[in-house]
C-alpha atoms as a PDB file:
ATOM      1  CA  MET A   1      -7.710 -35.229  22.953  1.00  0.00           C
ATOM      2  CA  ALA A   2     -11.188 -34.127  20.867  1.00  0.00           C
ATOM      3  CA  VAL A   3     -11.144 -34.810  17.949  1.00  0.00           C
ATOM      4  CA  VAL A   4     -12.322 -32.272  15.314  1.00  0.00           C
ATOM      5  CA  LEU A   5     -13.493 -32.564  11.547  1.00  0.00           C
ATOM      6  CA  ARG A   6     -11.978 -29.691   9.803  1.00  0.00           C
ATOM      7  CA  LEU A   7      -9.811 -29.060   5.980  1.00  0.00           C
ATOM      8  CA  ALA A   8      -6.505 -29.572   5.227  1.00  0.00           C
ATOM      9  CA  ARG A   9      -5.895 -27.557   3.030  1.00  0.00           C
ATOM     10  CA  ALA A  10      -3.500 -28.764  -0.340  1.00  0.00           C
ATOM     11  CA  GLY A  11      -2.977 -28.603  -4.122  1.00  0.00           C
ATOM     12  CA  ALA A  12      -1.114 -25.393  -5.776  1.00  0.00           C
ATOM     13  CA  LYS A  13      -1.061 -22.419  -5.528  1.00  0.00           C
ATOM     14  CA  LYS A  14      -4.517 -20.302  -6.014  1.00  0.00           C
ATOM     15  CA  MET A  15      -5.654 -23.499  -7.001  1.00  0.00           C
ATOM     16  CA  PRO A  16      -6.562 -25.076  -3.665  1.00  0.00           C
ATOM     17  CA  TYR A  17      -8.124 -28.848  -2.843  1.00  0.00           C
ATOM     18  CA  TYR A  18      -8.645 -30.018   0.460  1.00  0.00           C
ATOM     19  CA  HIS A  19      -8.947 -33.360   2.212  1.00  0.00           C
ATOM     20  CA  VAL A  20     -11.535 -33.754   5.240  1.00  0.00           C
ATOM     21  CA  VAL A  21     -10.274 -35.037   7.802  1.00  0.00           C
ATOM     22  CA  ALA A  22     -10.254 -36.733  11.517  1.00  0.00           C
ATOM     23  CA  THR A  23      -7.624 -34.151  13.709  1.00  0.00           C
ATOM     24  CA  ASP A  24      -7.105 -33.268  17.437  1.00  0.00           C
ATOM     25  CA  SER A  25      -7.946 -30.360  17.693  1.00  0.00           C
ATOM     26  CA  ARG A  26      -4.378 -28.797  19.205  1.00  0.00           C
ATOM     27  CA  ASN A  27      -2.985 -30.357  15.910  1.00  0.00           C
ATOM     28  CA  PRO A  28      -1.980 -27.556  12.675  1.00  0.00           C
ATOM     29  CA  ARG A  29      -4.800 -27.368  10.286  1.00  0.00           C
ATOM     30  CA  ASP A  30      -2.145 -29.212   7.308  1.00  0.00           C
ATOM     31  CA  GLY A  31      -0.770 -30.915  10.490  1.00  0.00           C
ATOM     32  CA  LYS A  32      -1.098 -34.985  11.508  1.00  0.00           C
ATOM     33  CA  PHE A  33      -3.803 -36.551  11.152  1.00  0.00           C
ATOM     34  CA  ILE A  34      -6.137 -39.706  12.186  1.00  0.00           C
ATOM     35  CA  GLU A  35      -7.855 -40.356   9.272  1.00  0.00           C
ATOM     36  CA  ALA A  36      -8.842 -38.549   5.852  1.00  0.00           C
ATOM     37  CA  ILE A  37     -13.017 -39.007   5.071  1.00  0.00           C
ATOM     38  CA  GLY A  38     -13.147 -37.002   2.566  1.00  0.00           C
ATOM     39  CA  ALA A  39     -12.204 -34.490  -0.044  1.00  0.00           C
ATOM     40  CA  TYR A  40     -13.627 -31.310  -1.540  1.00  0.00           C
ATOM     41  CA  ASP A  41     -12.186 -29.556  -4.665  1.00  0.00           C
ATOM     42  CA  PRO A  42     -13.867 -25.864  -5.125  1.00  0.00           C
ATOM     43  CA  ASN A  43     -12.529 -25.640  -8.175  1.00  0.00           C
ATOM     44  CA  LEU A  44     -15.171 -27.241 -10.507  1.00  0.00           C
ATOM     45  CA  GLU A  45     -18.170 -26.303 -10.794  1.00  0.00           C
ATOM     46  CA  PRO A  46     -20.572 -27.475  -9.345  1.00  0.00           C
ATOM     47  CA  PRO A  47     -17.382 -28.186  -6.478  1.00  0.00           C
ATOM     48  CA  LYS A  48     -16.990 -31.485  -5.498  1.00  0.00           C
ATOM     49  CA  ILE A  49     -17.586 -33.069  -3.117  1.00  0.00           C
ATOM     50  CA  GLU A  50     -16.820 -36.837  -1.658  1.00  0.00           C
ATOM     51  CA  PHE A  51     -17.087 -38.263   2.287  1.00  0.00           C
ATOM     52  CA  GLN A  52     -16.902 -42.334   2.901  1.00  0.00           C
ATOM     53  CA  GLN A  53     -19.971 -41.939   4.302  1.00  0.00           C
ATOM     54  CA  GLU A  54     -18.786 -45.303   7.143  1.00  0.00           C
ATOM     55  CA  ARG A  55     -16.567 -43.740   8.675  1.00  0.00           C
ATOM     56  CA  LEU A  56     -18.261 -39.868   8.456  1.00  0.00           C
ATOM     57  CA  GLU A  57     -21.019 -41.098  10.717  1.00  0.00           C
ATOM     58  CA  HIS A  58     -18.138 -43.227  12.610  1.00  0.00           C
ATOM     59  CA  TRP A  59     -16.634 -39.941  13.962  1.00  0.00           C
ATOM     60  CA  LEU A  60     -19.723 -38.268  14.068  1.00  0.00           C
ATOM     61  CA  LYS A  61     -20.945 -41.064  16.477  1.00  0.00           C
ATOM     62  CA  ALA A  62     -17.475 -40.846  18.498  1.00  0.00           C
ATOM     63  CA  GLY A  63     -17.898 -37.612  19.639  1.00  0.00           C
ATOM     64  CA  ALA A  64     -16.251 -35.419  17.224  1.00  0.00           C
ATOM     65  CA  THR A  65     -16.831 -32.226  16.466  1.00  0.00           C
ATOM     66  CA  PRO A  66     -17.243 -30.691  12.589  1.00  0.00           C
ATOM     67  CA  SER A  67     -15.908 -27.497  12.097  1.00  0.00           C
ATOM     68  CA  GLU A  68     -18.612 -24.866  10.576  1.00  0.00           C
ATOM     69  CA  THR A  69     -16.851 -25.632   7.117  1.00  0.00           C
ATOM     70  CA  VAL A  70     -16.776 -28.795   7.001  1.00  0.00           C
ATOM     71  CA  ALA A  71     -20.433 -29.246   8.852  1.00  0.00           C
ATOM     72  CA  GLY A  72     -22.227 -26.891   5.670  1.00  0.00           C
ATOM     73  CA  LEU A  73     -20.268 -29.057   3.409  1.00  0.00           C
ATOM     74  CA  ILE A  74     -22.089 -32.527   5.097  1.00  0.00           C
ATOM     75  CA  LYS A  75     -25.797 -30.767   4.580  1.00  0.00           C
ATOM     76  CA  ARG A  76     -24.706 -29.644   0.980  1.00  0.00           C
ATOM     77  CA  ALA A  77     -23.373 -33.367   0.207  1.00  0.00           C
ATOM     78  CA  SER A  78     -26.661 -34.789   2.121  1.00  0.00           C
ATOM     79  CA  LYS A  79     -28.529 -31.966  -0.634  1.00  0.00           C
ATOM     80  CA  THR A  80     -27.045 -33.247  -3.867  1.00  0.00           C
ATOM     81  CA  PRO A  81     -28.714 -35.892  -5.009  1.00  0.00           C
ATOM     82  CA  LYS A  82     -26.584 -38.899  -6.310  1.00  0.00           C
ATOM     83  CA  ALA A  83     -25.885 -40.006  -9.703  1.00  0.00           C
END
């Protein structure tokens, strides 16, 4: 089973909200997942990016592959200073 970290879309039409999930690569985008590890809300200014840091590190150490978008979000989240 190849585990990937990717976005699962939620929210209303034209108001997207995404959950960052760990899932089997064969599952559909909004299908079943193993664990939700974060959230991304592009509707806010600046966009809100949240991760459960210990769970993110767990999945990366376990060999999960982040999608291109999630990899970019991880980089952006690490650059942003925590308030």
